[in-house]
Protein backbone atom coordinates (compact mmCIF):
# COMPACT_ATOMS: atom_id res chain seq x y z
CA MET A 1 -47.27 9.24 17.07
CA VAL A 2 -48.75 6.64 15.06
CA ILE A 3 -46.97 3.71 13.19
CA ALA A 4 -48.85 1.66 10.52
CA TYR A 5 -47.85 -2.03 10.02
CA GLU A 6 -48.42 -3.39 6.42
CA PRO A 7 -47.43 -7.17 6.32
CA ILE A 8 -46.08 -8.58 3.02
CA ALA A 9 -48.47 -11.41 2.08
CA GLY A 10 -50.44 -12.69 -0.67
CA PRO A 11 -49.40 -15.27 -3.55
CA ALA A 12 -46.03 -13.75 -4.25
CA ALA A 13 -44.90 -14.02 -0.60
CA LYS A 14 -46.42 -17.60 -0.25
CA ARG A 15 -47.89 -16.95 2.89
CA THR A 16 -51.14 -15.57 4.61
CA VAL A 17 -51.30 -13.21 7.25
CA THR A 18 -53.30 -14.21 10.53
CA ILE A 19 -54.62 -11.95 13.31
CA GLU A 20 -52.04 -13.80 15.63
CA HIS A 21 -49.19 -12.98 13.24
CA VAL A 22 -50.48 -9.28 13.15
CA GLU A 23 -50.90 -9.08 16.94
CA GLU A 24 -47.49 -10.60 17.36
CA VAL A 25 -45.73 -7.85 15.15
CA CYS A 26 -47.50 -4.95 16.81
CA GLU A 27 -46.32 -6.10 20.19
CA GLN A 28 -42.81 -6.48 18.78
CA ILE A 29 -43.15 -2.85 17.70
CA ARG A 30 -44.43 -1.88 20.80
CA LYS A 31 -41.77 -3.47 22.88
CA TRP A 32 -39.08 -1.94 20.63
CA VAL A 33 -40.46 1.55 20.95
CA MET A 34 -40.48 0.83 24.94
CA ASP A 35 -36.83 -0.38 24.74
CA THR A 36 -35.80 2.41 22.30
CA VAL A 37 -37.52 5.38 23.12
CA SER A 38 -39.47 5.07 26.50
CA PRO A 39 -41.94 2.94 28.27
CA GLU A 40 -44.52 6.00 28.45
CA ILE A 41 -44.16 6.59 24.74
CA SER A 42 -44.70 2.96 24.22
CA GLU A 43 -48.13 2.97 25.76
CA GLU A 44 -49.31 6.22 24.01
CA ILE A 45 -48.30 5.32 20.51
CA ARG A 46 -50.98 4.03 18.16
CA ILE A 47 -49.88 0.97 16.28
CA ILE A 48 -52.49 0.31 13.27
CA TYR A 49 -52.91 -2.27 10.57
CA SER A 50 -52.77 -1.69 7.17
CA GLY A 51 -53.86 -4.78 5.54
CA PRO A 52 -56.97 -6.55 4.33
CA VAL A 53 -59.85 -6.30 6.68
CA ASN A 54 -63.60 -6.88 6.44
CA GLU A 55 -66.40 -6.23 8.72
CA SER A 56 -66.00 -9.37 10.97
CA SER A 57 -62.02 -9.36 11.07
CA CYS A 58 -62.01 -5.64 12.26
CA LYS A 59 -63.78 -6.63 15.43
CA VAL A 60 -61.56 -9.41 15.87
CA TYR A 61 -58.51 -7.34 15.24
CA MET A 62 -59.93 -4.45 17.52
CA MET A 63 -59.89 -6.99 20.62
CA GLN A 64 -56.15 -7.52 20.22
CA LYS A 65 -54.12 -5.63 22.97
CA ASN A 66 -51.65 -4.01 20.52
CA VAL A 67 -53.63 -3.14 17.30
CA ASP A 68 -55.20 0.31 17.83
CA GLY A 69 -56.74 0.83 14.34
CA PHE A 70 -56.64 0.45 10.64
CA LEU A 71 -55.11 2.25 7.81
CA VAL A 72 -57.69 1.87 5.07
CA TYR A 73 -57.12 2.86 1.57
CA SER A 74 -58.68 2.12 -1.80
CA SER A 75 -56.98 1.39 -5.32
């Protein structure tokens, strides 16, 4: 199972998304799965980030404990 997290950000939201924020939300998602489903599933689930990334930020995101990858799309 894969869960994709896409933050609401940008000028309309009047906030920016930091790597720390993304890690925190992914950690909360993993905790919710652990508490609601099971600890085993929370470790097996992949939580991917669906937000803006570039070559350098990808490397930093992948160093986070709870970010398992990216959902990349083009408009």
